[in-house]
Amino acid sequence: MAALDSKSRFISENPVVYRIAVMGRLSPSLSGRLANMRIEPGPRERGDDERSCITTLMGPLADQSQLSGVLNALFERRLTILTVEALSEDSSMDSQNKRVGVHE
């Protein structure tokens, strides 16, 4: 079960399913480099510019270290990270969504 430790950090004994939204287009073939998260390019927001698309990544991550690795890989690709959400501790992706950070 997930909990907050004494320093208010989110901790979990099980993998947590995350949904990450970024501004820009990522190829689904990059999934292996991003902890095998499912990559879903969304509709373009403005015109035909590739950077105007919002891409969603979703999948379980074992721990905060793995989440950090995914976020760093996205940052290195110069993608703007829009949201990071912890959805659940299992793949059922129930309705108990927890937003853990938003970058605009």
PDB file of N, CA and C in Angstrom:
ATOM      1  N   MET A   1       0.828  -1.180   0.000  1.00  0.00           N
ATOM      2  CA  MET A   1       0.000   0.000   0.000  1.00  0.00           C
ATOM      3  C   MET A   1       0.873   1.244   0.000  1.00  0.00           C
ATOM      4  N   ALA A   2       0.476   2.257  -0.731  1.00  0.00           N
ATOM      5  CA  ALA A   2       1.222   3.504  -0.795  1.00  0.00           C
ATOM      6  C   ALA A   2       1.033   4.293   0.484  1.00  0.00           C
ATOM      7  N   ALA A   3       2.042   5.091   0.797  1.00  0.00           N
ATOM      8  CA  ALA A   3       1.980   5.910   2.002  1.00  0.00           C
ATOM      9  C   ALA A   3       2.892   7.105   1.841  1.00  0.00           C
ATOM     10  N   LEU A   4       2.787   8.023   2.789  1.00  0.00           N
ATOM     11  CA  LEU A   4       3.713   9.145   2.851  1.00  0.00           C
ATOM     12  C   LEU A   4       4.651   8.876   4.009  1.00  0.00           C
ATOM     13  N   ASP A   5       5.959   9.040   3.782  1.00  0.00           N
ATOM     14  CA  ASP A   5       6.895   8.839   4.879  1.00  0.00           C
ATOM     15  C   ASP A   5       6.974  10.116   5.709  1.00  0.00           C
ATOM     16  N   SER A   6       7.847  10.138   6.708  1.00  0.00           N
ATOM     17  CA  SER A   6       7.932  11.272   7.634  1.00  0.00           C
ATOM     18  C   SER A   6       8.332  12.579   6.963  1.00  0.00           C
ATOM     19  N   LYS A   7       8.880  12.527   5.755  1.00  0.00           N
ATOM     20  CA  LYS A   7       9.257  13.738   5.028  1.00  0.00           C
ATOM     21  C   LYS A   7       8.283  14.019   3.887  1.00  0.00           C
ATOM     22  N   SER A   8       7.082  13.430   3.953  1.00  0.00           N
ATOM     23  CA  SER A   8       6.005  13.634   2.970  1.00  0.00           C
ATOM     24  C   SER A   8       6.405  13.213   1.565  1.00  0.00           C
ATOM     25  N   ARG A   9       7.154  12.146   1.442  1.00  0.00           N
ATOM     26  CA  ARG A   9       7.480  11.588   0.135  1.00  0.00           C
ATOM     27  C   ARG A   9       6.554  10.415  -0.129  1.00  0.00           C
ATOM     28  N   PHE A  10       6.123  10.289  -1.396  1.00  0.00           N
ATOM     29  CA  PHE A  10       5.254   9.195  -1.805  1.00  0.00           C
ATOM     30  C   PHE A  10       6.104   7.932  -1.914  1.00  0.00           C
ATOM     31  N   ILE A  11       5.743   6.888  -1.162  1.00  0.00           N
ATOM     32  CA  ILE A  11       6.470   5.625  -1.231  1.00  0.00           C
ATOM     33  C   ILE A  11       5.472   4.491  -1.451  1.00  0.00           C
ATOM     34  N   SER A  12       5.928   3.441  -2.088  1.00  0.00           N
ATOM     35  CA  SER A  12       5.079   2.302  -2.369  1.00  0.00           C
ATOM     36  C   SER A  12       5.914   1.040  -2.370  1.00  0.00           C
ATOM     37  N   GLU A  13       5.322  -0.048  -1.916  1.00  0.00           N
ATOM     38  CA  GLU A  13       6.008  -1.329  -1.926  1.00  0.00           C
ATOM     39  C   GLU A  13       5.859  -2.026  -3.272  1.00  0.00           C
ATOM     40  N   ASN A  14       4.875  -1.619  -4.074  1.00  0.00           N
ATOM     41  CA  ASN A  14       4.577  -2.238  -5.361  1.00  0.00           C
ATOM     42  C   ASN A  14       4.828  -1.246  -6.488  1.00  0.00           C
ATOM     43  N   PRO A  15       4.985  -1.738  -7.720  1.00  0.00           N
ATOM     44  CA  PRO A  15       5.083  -0.805  -8.854  1.00  0.00           C
ATOM     45  C   PRO A  15       3.841   0.083  -8.908  1.00  0.00           C
ATOM     46  N   VAL A  16       4.032   1.303  -9.337  1.00  0.00           N
ATOM     47  CA  VAL A  16       2.947   2.272  -9.450  1.00  0.00           C
ATOM     48  C   VAL A  16       2.750   2.582 -10.933  1.00  0.00           C
ATOM     49  N   VAL A  17       1.503   2.624 -11.379  1.00  0.00           N
ATOM     50  CA  VAL A  17       1.188   2.979 -12.757  1.00  0.00           C
ATOM     51  C   VAL A  17       1.197   4.503 -12.856  1.00  0.00           C
ATOM     52  N   TYR A  18       2.004   5.025 -13.783  1.00  0.00           N
ATOM     53  CA  TYR A  18       2.114   6.464 -14.000  1.00  0.00           C
ATOM     54  C   TYR A  18       1.573   6.840 -15.363  1.00  0.00           C
ATOM     55  N   ARG A  19       1.027   8.046 -15.447  1.00  0.00           N
ATOM     56  CA  ARG A  19       0.657   8.663 -16.720  1.00  0.00           C
ATOM     57  C   ARG A  19       1.427   9.982 -16.789  1.00  0.00           C
ATOM     58  N   ILE A  20       2.219  10.132 -17.855  1.00  0.00           N
ATOM     59  CA  ILE A  20       3.050  11.315 -18.051  1.00  0.00           C
ATOM     60  C   ILE A  20       2.658  11.939 -19.384  1.00  0.00           C
ATOM     61  N   ALA A  21       2.371  13.235 -19.377  1.00  0.00           N
ATOM     62  CA  ALA A  21       2.047  13.954 -20.607  1.00  0.00           C
ATOM     63  C   ALA A  21       3.184  14.914 -20.924  1.00  0.00           C
ATOM     64  N   VAL A  22       3.622  14.898 -22.192  1.00  0.00           N
ATOM     65  CA  VAL A  22       4.685  15.785 -22.642  1.00  0.00           C
ATOM     66  C   VAL A  22       4.242  16.516 -23.899  1.00  0.00           C
ATOM     67  N   MET A  23       4.784  17.710 -24.105  1.00  0.00           N
ATOM     68  CA  MET A  23       4.520  18.471 -25.325  1.00  0.00           C
ATOM     69  C   MET A  23       5.540  17.999 -26.356  1.00  0.00           C
ATOM     70  N   GLY A  24       5.039  17.488 -27.463  1.00  0.00           N
ATOM     71  CA  GLY A  24       5.915  16.991 -28.520  1.00  0.00           C
ATOM     72  C   GLY A  24       5.549  15.576 -28.893  1.00  0.00           C
ATOM     73  N   ARG A  25       6.130  15.108 -29.975  1.00  0.00           N
ATOM     74  CA  ARG A  25       5.820  13.777 -30.497  1.00  0.00           C
ATOM     75  C   ARG A  25       6.971  12.824 -30.201  1.00  0.00           C
ATOM     76  N   LEU A  26       6.621  11.661 -29.674  1.00  0.00           N
ATOM     77  CA  LEU A  26       7.576  10.583 -29.433  1.00  0.00           C
ATOM     78  C   LEU A  26       7.132   9.362 -30.231  1.00  0.00           C
ATOM     79  N   SER A  27       8.072   8.685 -30.815  1.00  0.00           N
ATOM     80  CA  SER A  27       7.758   7.461 -31.531  1.00  0.00           C
ATOM     81  C   SER A  27       7.499   6.328 -30.536  1.00  0.00           C
ATOM     82  N   PRO A  28       6.467   5.510 -30.763  1.00  0.00           N
ATOM     83  CA  PRO A  28       6.240   4.350 -29.898  1.00  0.00           C
ATOM     84  C   PRO A  28       7.443   3.409 -29.847  1.00  0.00           C
ATOM     85  N   SER A  29       8.322   3.463 -30.842  1.00  0.00           N
ATOM     86  CA  SER A  29       9.511   2.609 -30.843  1.00  0.00           C
ATOM     87  C   SER A  29      10.498   2.972 -29.724  1.00  0.00           C
ATOM     88  N   LEU A  30      10.326   4.133 -29.090  1.00  0.00           N
ATOM     89  CA  LEU A  30      11.203   4.541 -27.988  1.00  0.00           C
ATOM     90  C   LEU A  30      10.782   3.939 -26.644  1.00  0.00           C
ATOM     91  N   SER A  31       9.716   3.178 -26.624  1.00  0.00           N
ATOM     92  CA  SER A  31       9.196   2.611 -25.390  1.00  0.00           C
ATOM     93  C   SER A  31      10.270   1.857 -24.598  1.00  0.00           C
ATOM     94  N   GLY A  32      11.089   1.091 -25.267  1.00  0.00           N
ATOM     95  CA  GLY A  32      12.136   0.316 -24.603  1.00  0.00           C
ATOM     96  C   GLY A  32      13.142   1.185 -23.865  1.00  0.00           C
ATOM     97  N   ARG A  33      13.354   2.393 -24.335  1.00  0.00           N
ATOM     98  CA  ARG A  33      14.273   3.327 -23.675  1.00  0.00           C
ATOM     99  C   ARG A  33      13.589   4.100 -22.551  1.00  0.00           C
ATOM    100  N   LEU A  34      12.276   3.958 -22.451  1.00  0.00           N
ATOM    101  CA  LEU A  34      11.500   4.690 -21.445  1.00  0.00           C
ATOM    102  C   LEU A  34      10.754   3.702 -20.543  1.00  0.00           C
ATOM    103  N   ALA A  35      11.477   2.739 -20.015  1.00  0.00           N
ATOM    104  CA  ALA A  35      10.962   1.743 -19.060  1.00  0.00           C
ATOM    105  C   ALA A  35       9.756   0.979 -19.605  1.00  0.00           C
ATOM    106  N   ASN A  36       9.716   0.794 -20.923  1.00  0.00           N
ATOM    107  CA  ASN A  36       8.640   0.060 -21.585  1.00  0.00           C
ATOM    108  C   ASN A  36       7.254   0.662 -21.357  1.00  0.00           C
ATOM    109  N   MET A  37       7.216   1.968 -21.111  1.00  0.00           N
ATOM    110  CA  MET A  37       5.925   2.639 -20.973  1.00  0.00           C
ATOM    111  C   MET A  37       5.246   2.693 -22.333  1.00  0.00           C
ATOM    112  N   ARG A  38       3.917   2.587 -22.346  1.00  0.00           N
ATOM    113  CA  ARG A  38       3.140   2.696 -23.583  1.00  0.00           C
ATOM    114  C   ARG A  38       3.140   4.166 -24.010  1.00  0.00           C
ATOM    115  N   ILE A  39       3.464   4.420 -25.275  1.00  0.00           N
ATOM    116  CA  ILE A  39       3.549   5.781 -25.808  1.00  0.00           C
ATOM    117  C   ILE A  39       2.395   5.992 -26.768  1.00  0.00           C
ATOM    118  N   GLU A  40       1.588   7.018 -26.482  1.00  0.00           N
ATOM    119  CA  GLU A  40       0.416   7.315 -27.309  1.00  0.00           C
ATOM    120  C   GLU A  40       0.473   8.765 -27.773  1.00  0.00           C
ATOM    121  N   PRO A  41       0.910   8.984 -29.022  1.00  0.00           N
ATOM    122  CA  PRO A  41       0.894  10.353 -29.546  1.00  0.00           C
ATOM    123  C   PRO A  41      -0.553  10.834 -29.652  1.00  0.00           C
ATOM    124  N   GLY A  42      -0.802  12.038 -29.190  1.00  0.00           N
ATOM    125  CA  GLY A  42      -2.145  12.598 -29.231  1.00  0.00           C
ATOM    126  C   GLY A  42      -2.331  13.480 -30.446  1.00  0.00           C
ATOM    127  N   PRO A  43      -3.512  14.069 -30.558  1.00  0.00           N
ATOM    128  CA  PRO A  43      -3.770  14.975 -31.677  1.00  0.00           C
ATOM    129  C   PRO A  43      -2.924  16.230 -31.541  1.00  0.00           C
ATOM    130  N   ARG A  44      -2.623  16.817 -32.660  1.00  0.00           N
ATOM    131  CA  ARG A  44      -1.861  18.061 -32.652  1.00  0.00           C
ATOM    132  C   ARG A  44      -2.748  19.185 -32.170  1.00  0.00           C
ATOM    133  N   GLU A  45      -2.182  20.059 -31.371  1.00  0.00           N
ATOM    134  CA  GLU A  45      -2.942  21.165 -30.790  1.00  0.00           C
ATOM    135  C   GLU A  45      -3.046  22.357 -31.733  1.00  0.00           C
ATOM    136  N   ARG A  46      -1.957  22.685 -32.426  1.00  0.00           N
ATOM    137  CA  ARG A  46      -1.939  23.884 -33.267  1.00  0.00           C
ATOM    138  C   ARG A  46      -1.233  23.557 -34.590  1.00  0.00           C
ATOM    139  N   GLY A  47      -1.980  23.513 -35.669  1.00  0.00           N
ATOM    140  CA  GLY A  47      -1.382  23.337 -36.991  1.00  0.00           C
ATOM    141  C   GLY A  47      -0.692  22.007 -37.170  1.00  0.00           C
ATOM    142  N   ASP A  48       0.339  22.011 -37.997  1.00  0.00           N
ATOM    143  CA  ASP A  48       1.051  20.780 -38.335  1.00  0.00           C
ATOM    144  C   ASP A  48       2.401  20.659 -37.652  1.00  0.00           C
ATOM    145  N   ASP A  49       2.702  21.530 -36.718  1.00  0.00           N
ATOM    146  CA  ASP A  49       3.983  21.517 -36.033  1.00  0.00           C
ATOM    147  C   ASP A  49       4.075  20.297 -35.117  1.00  0.00           C
ATOM    148  N   GLU A  50       5.117  19.474 -35.286  1.00  0.00           N
ATOM    149  CA  GLU A  50       5.309  18.279 -34.464  1.00  0.00           C
ATOM    150  C   GLU A  50       5.378  18.610 -32.973  1.00  0.00           C
ATOM    151  N   ARG A  51       5.910  19.782 -32.638  1.00  0.00           N
ATOM    152  CA  ARG A  51       6.068  20.152 -31.238  1.00  0.00           C
ATOM    153  C   ARG A  51       4.746  20.532 -30.583  1.00  0.00           C
ATOM    154  N   SER A  52       3.698  20.744 -31.368  1.00  0.00           N
ATOM    155  CA  SER A  52       2.417  21.141 -30.790  1.00  0.00           C
ATOM    156  C   SER A  52       1.576  19.941 -30.341  1.00  0.00           C
ATOM    157  N   CYS A  53       2.041  18.754 -30.589  1.00  0.00           N
ATOM    158  CA  CYS A  53       1.342  17.527 -30.205  1.00  0.00           C
ATOM    159  C   CYS A  53       1.589  17.230 -28.716  1.00  0.00           C
ATOM    160  N   ILE A  54       0.614  16.641 -28.059  1.00  0.00           N
ATOM    161  CA  ILE A  54       0.794  16.170 -26.687  1.00  0.00           C
ATOM    162  C   ILE A  54       0.850  14.648 -26.729  1.00  0.00           C
ATOM    163  N   THR A  55       1.939  14.080 -26.207  1.00  0.00           N
ATOM    164  CA  THR A  55       2.130  12.637 -26.164  1.00  0.00           C
ATOM    165  C   THR A  55       1.944  12.158 -24.733  1.00  0.00           C
ATOM    166  N   THR A  56       1.266  11.023 -24.569  1.00  0.00           N
ATOM    167  CA  THR A  56       1.040  10.442 -23.251  1.00  0.00           C
ATOM    168  C   THR A  56       1.826   9.139 -23.126  1.00  0.00           C
ATOM    169  N   LEU A  57       2.513   8.989 -22.008  1.00  0.00           N
ATOM    170  CA  LEU A  57       3.205   7.749 -21.671  1.00  0.00           C
ATOM    171  C   LEU A  57       2.484   7.155 -20.474  1.00  0.00           C
ATOM    172  N   MET A  58       2.263   5.840 -20.488  1.00  0.00           N
ATOM    173  CA  MET A  58       1.578   5.211 -19.372  1.00  0.00           C
ATOM    174  C   MET A  58       2.151   3.827 -19.129  1.00  0.00           C
ATOM    175  N   GLY A  59       2.321   3.508 -17.847  1.00  0.00           N
ATOM    176  CA  GLY A  59       2.790   2.177 -17.496  1.00  0.00           C
ATOM    177  C   GLY A  59       3.307   2.123 -16.083  1.00  0.00           C
ATOM    178  N   PRO A  60       3.562   0.894 -15.595  1.00  0.00           N
ATOM    179  CA  PRO A  60       4.057   0.733 -14.230  1.00  0.00           C
ATOM    180  C   PRO A  60       5.552   1.023 -14.143  1.00  0.00           C
ATOM    181  N   LEU A  61       5.940   1.683 -13.065  1.00  0.00           N
ATOM    182  CA  LEU A  61       7.349   1.939 -12.771  1.00  0.00           C
ATOM    183  C   LEU A  61       7.636   1.380 -11.387  1.00  0.00           C
ATOM    184  N   ALA A  62       8.762   0.713 -11.260  1.00  0.00           N
ATOM    185  CA  ALA A  62       9.085  -0.014 -10.035  1.00  0.00           C
ATOM    186  C   ALA A  62       9.282   0.889  -8.828  1.00  0.00           C
ATOM    187  N   ASP A  63       9.873   2.064  -9.048  1.00  0.00           N
ATOM    188  CA  ASP A  63      10.185   2.929  -7.908  1.00  0.00           C
ATOM    189  C   ASP A  63      10.492   4.345  -8.391  1.00  0.00           C
ATOM    190  N   GLN A  64      10.796   5.229  -7.457  1.00  0.00           N
ATOM    191  CA  GLN A  64      11.071   6.624  -7.780  1.00  0.00           C
ATOM    192  C   GLN A  64      12.325   6.771  -8.638  1.00  0.00           C
ATOM    193  N   SER A  65      13.275   5.872  -8.487  1.00  0.00           N
ATOM    194  CA  SER A  65      14.480   5.908  -9.306  1.00  0.00           C
ATOM    195  C   SER A  65      14.144   5.680 -10.778  1.00  0.00           C
ATOM    196  N   GLN A  66      13.273   4.731 -11.056  1.00  0.00           N
ATOM    197  CA  GLN A  66      12.876   4.465 -12.429  1.00  0.00           C
ATOM    198  C   GLN A  66      12.072   5.630 -12.997  1.00  0.00           C
ATOM    199  N   LEU A  67      11.206   6.230 -12.183  1.00  0.00           N
ATOM    200  CA  LEU A  67      10.460   7.420 -12.608  1.00  0.00           C
ATOM    201  C   LEU A  67      11.433   8.544 -12.946  1.00  0.00           C
ATOM    202  N   SER A  68      12.417   8.751 -12.118  1.00  0.00           N
ATOM    203  CA  SER A  68      13.421   9.792 -12.364  1.00  0.00           C
ATOM    204  C   SER A  68      14.159   9.541 -13.675  1.00  0.00           C
ATOM    205  N   GLY A  69      14.487   8.290 -13.953  1.00  0.00           N
ATOM    206  CA  GLY A  69      15.166   7.943 -15.201  1.00  0.00           C
ATOM    207  C   GLY A  69      14.321   8.274 -16.428  1.00  0.00           C
ATOM    208  N   VAL A  70      13.028   7.982 -16.365  1.00  0.00           N
ATOM    209  CA  VAL A  70      12.124   8.302 -17.480  1.00  0.00           C
ATOM    210  C   VAL A  70      12.040   9.811 -17.659  1.00  0.00           C
ATOM    211  N   LEU A  71      11.847  10.545 -16.563  1.00  0.00           N
ATOM    212  CA  LEU A  71      11.741  12.001 -16.650  1.00  0.00           C
ATOM    213  C   LEU A  71      13.030  12.624 -17.182  1.00  0.00           C
ATOM    214  N   ASN A  72      14.172  12.110 -16.754  1.00  0.00           N
ATOM    215  CA  ASN A  72      15.452  12.614 -17.267  1.00  0.00           C
ATOM    216  C   ASN A  72      15.597  12.344 -18.763  1.00  0.00           C
ATOM    217  N   ALA A  73      15.172  11.167 -19.212  1.00  0.00           N
ATOM    218  CA  ALA A  73      15.255  10.845 -20.640  1.00  0.00           C
ATOM    219  C   ALA A  73      14.376  11.787 -21.461  1.00  0.00           C
ATOM    220  N   LEU A  74      13.211  12.127 -20.942  1.00  0.00           N
ATOM    221  CA  LEU A  74      12.323  13.064 -21.636  1.00  0.00           C
ATOM    222  C   LEU A  74      12.940  14.466 -21.656  1.00  0.00           C
ATOM    223  N   PHE A  75      13.525  14.866 -20.540  1.00  0.00           N
ATOM    224  CA  PHE A  75      14.186  16.167 -20.455  1.00  0.00           C
ATOM    225  C   PHE A  75      15.347  16.258 -21.447  1.00  0.00           C
ATOM    226  N   GLU A  76      16.138  15.187 -21.550  1.00  0.00           N
ATOM    227  CA  GLU A  76      17.268  15.163 -22.481  1.00  0.00           C
ATOM    228  C   GLU A  76      16.816  15.288 -23.929  1.00  0.00           C
ATOM    229  N   ARG A  77      15.593  14.884 -24.221  1.00  0.00           N
ATOM    230  CA  ARG A  77      15.029  15.031 -25.572  1.00  0.00           C
ATOM    231  C   ARG A  77      14.384  16.401 -25.760  1.00  0.00           C
ATOM    232  N   ARG A  78      14.553  17.271 -24.782  1.00  0.00           N
ATOM    233  CA  ARG A  78      14.050  18.650 -24.816  1.00  0.00           C
ATOM    234  C   ARG A  78      12.521  18.713 -24.948  1.00  0.00           C
ATOM    235  N   LEU A  79      11.852  17.778 -24.292  1.00  0.00           N
ATOM    236  CA  LEU A  79      10.390  17.769 -24.283  1.00  0.00           C
ATOM    237  C   LEU A  79       9.887  18.463 -23.019  1.00  0.00           C
ATOM    238  N   THR A  80       8.842  19.243 -23.149  1.00  0.00           N
ATOM    239  CA  THR A  80       8.233  19.897 -21.999  1.00  0.00           C
ATOM    240  C   THR A  80       7.333  18.900 -21.292  1.00  0.00           C
ATOM    241  N   ILE A  81       7.599  18.647 -20.017  1.00  0.00           N
ATOM    242  CA  ILE A  81       6.784  17.724 -19.230  1.00  0.00           C
ATOM    243  C   ILE A  81       5.603  18.513 -18.695  1.00  0.00           C
ATOM    244  N   LEU A  82       4.399  18.101 -19.078  1.00  0.00           N
ATOM    245  CA  LEU A  82       3.179  18.812 -18.688  1.00  0.00           C
ATOM    246  C   LEU A  82       2.605  18.296 -17.377  1.00  0.00           C
ATOM    247  N   THR A  83       2.449  16.973 -17.267  1.00  0.00           N
ATOM    248  CA  THR A  83       1.913  16.388 -16.035  1.00  0.00           C
ATOM    249  C   THR A  83       2.563  15.044 -15.759  1.00  0.00           C
ATOM    250  N   VAL A  84       2.595  14.702 -14.476  1.00  0.00           N
ATOM    251  CA  VAL A  84       3.021  13.378 -14.008  1.00  0.00           C
ATOM    252  C   VAL A  84       1.976  12.957 -12.983  1.00  0.00           C
ATOM    253  N   GLU A  85       1.302  11.839 -13.247  1.00  0.00           N
ATOM    254  CA  GLU A  85       0.262  11.367 -12.345  1.00  0.00           C
ATOM    255  C   GLU A  85       0.537   9.936 -11.917  1.00  0.00           C
ATOM    256  N   ALA A  86       0.433   9.677 -10.615  1.00  0.00           N
ATOM    257  CA  ALA A  86       0.471   8.315 -10.092  1.00  0.00           C
ATOM    258  C   ALA A  86      -0.970   7.833 -10.058  1.00  0.00           C
ATOM    259  N   LEU A  87      -1.286   6.822 -10.856  1.00  0.00           N
ATOM    260  CA  LEU A  87      -2.672   6.378 -10.980  1.00  0.00           C
ATOM    261  C   LEU A  87      -3.056   5.326  -9.958  1.00  0.00           C
ATOM    262  N   SER A  88      -2.225   4.314  -9.789  1.00  0.00           N
ATOM    263  CA  SER A  88      -2.552   3.249  -8.860  1.00  0.00           C
ATOM    264  C   SER A  88      -1.321   2.391  -8.623  1.00  0.00           C
ATOM    265  N   GLU A  89      -1.432   1.509  -7.655  1.00  0.00           N
ATOM    266  CA  GLU A  89      -0.335   0.594  -7.360  1.00  0.00           C
ATOM    267  C   GLU A  89      -0.382  -0.667  -8.204  1.00  0.00           C
ATOM    268  N   ASP A  90      -1.386  -0.823  -9.029  1.00  0.00           N
ATOM    269  CA  ASP A  90      -1.465  -1.996  -9.891  1.00  0.00           C
ATOM    270  C   ASP A  90      -1.953  -1.572 -11.262  1.00  0.00           C
ATOM    271  N   SER A  91      -2.071  -2.504 -12.165  1.00  0.00           N
ATOM    272  CA  SER A  91      -2.438  -2.163 -13.532  1.00  0.00           C
ATOM    273  C   SER A  91      -3.935  -1.958 -13.721  1.00  0.00           C
ATOM    274  N   SER A  92      -4.731  -2.043 -12.667  1.00  0.00           N
ATOM    275  CA  SER A  92      -6.175  -1.840 -12.818  1.00  0.00           C
ATOM    276  C   SER A  92      -6.510  -0.382 -13.073  1.00  0.00           C
ATOM    277  N   MET A  93      -5.600   0.538 -12.769  1.00  0.00           N
ATOM    278  CA  MET A  93      -5.781   1.970 -13.008  1.00  0.00           C
ATOM    279  C   MET A  93      -7.136   2.428 -12.483  1.00  0.00           C
ATOM    280  N   ASP A  94      -7.397   2.160 -11.200  1.00  0.00           N
ATOM    281  CA  ASP A  94      -8.684   2.523 -10.611  1.00  0.00           C
ATOM    282  C   ASP A  94      -8.868   4.026 -10.514  1.00  0.00           C
ATOM    283  N   SER A  95      -9.962   4.435  -9.938  1.00  0.00           N
ATOM    284  CA  SER A  95     -10.322   5.851  -9.917  1.00  0.00           C
ATOM    285  C   SER A  95      -9.602   6.649  -8.843  1.00  0.00           C
ATOM    286  N   GLN A  96      -8.701   6.051  -8.101  1.00  0.00           N
ATOM    287  CA  GLN A  96      -7.999   6.771  -7.048  1.00  0.00           C
ATOM    288  C   GLN A  96      -6.727   7.398  -7.591  1.00  0.00           C
ATOM    289  N   ASN A  97      -6.869   8.319  -8.538  1.00  0.00           N
ATOM    290  CA  ASN A  97      -5.726   8.999  -9.147  1.00  0.00           C
ATOM    291  C   ASN A  97      -5.114   9.965  -8.150  1.00  0.00           C
ATOM    292  N   LYS A  98      -3.772  10.057  -8.197  1.00  0.00           N
ATOM    293  CA  LYS A  98      -3.058  10.986  -7.338  1.00  0.00           C
ATOM    294  C   LYS A  98      -2.111  11.784  -8.191  1.00  0.00           C
ATOM    295  N   ARG A  99      -2.323  13.091  -8.297  1.00  0.00           N
ATOM    296  CA  ARG A  99      -1.419  13.947  -9.067  1.00  0.00           C
ATOM    297  C   ARG A  99      -0.208  14.233  -8.185  1.00  0.00           C
ATOM    298  N   VAL A 100       1.006  13.942  -8.731  1.00  0.00           N
ATOM    299  CA  VAL A 100       2.213  14.143  -7.943  1.00  0.00           C
ATOM    300  C   VAL A 100       3.044  15.305  -8.435  1.00  0.00           C
ATOM    301  N   GLY A 101       2.660  15.959  -9.507  1.00  0.00           N
ATOM    302  CA  GLY A 101       3.424  17.120  -9.954  1.00  0.00           C
ATOM    303  C   GLY A 101       2.931  17.619 -11.286  1.00  0.00           C
ATOM    304  N   VAL A 102       3.007  18.915 -11.476  1.00  0.00           N
ATOM    305  CA  VAL A 102       2.625  19.516 -12.743  1.00  0.00           C
ATOM    306  C   VAL A 102       3.673  20.556 -13.083  1.00  0.00           C
ATOM    307  N   HIS A 103       4.168  20.508 -14.310  1.00  0.00           N
ATOM    308  CA  HIS A 103       5.146  21.486 -14.791  1.00  0.00           C
ATOM    309  C   HIS A 103       4.555  22.177 -15.989  1.00  0.00           C
ATOM    310  N   GLU A 104       4.451  23.498 -15.959  1.00  0.00           N
ATOM    311  CA  GLU A 104       3.928  24.230 -17.107  1.00  0.00           C
ATOM    312  C   GLU A 104       4.936  25.228 -17.581  1.00  0.00           C
TER     313      GLU A 104
END
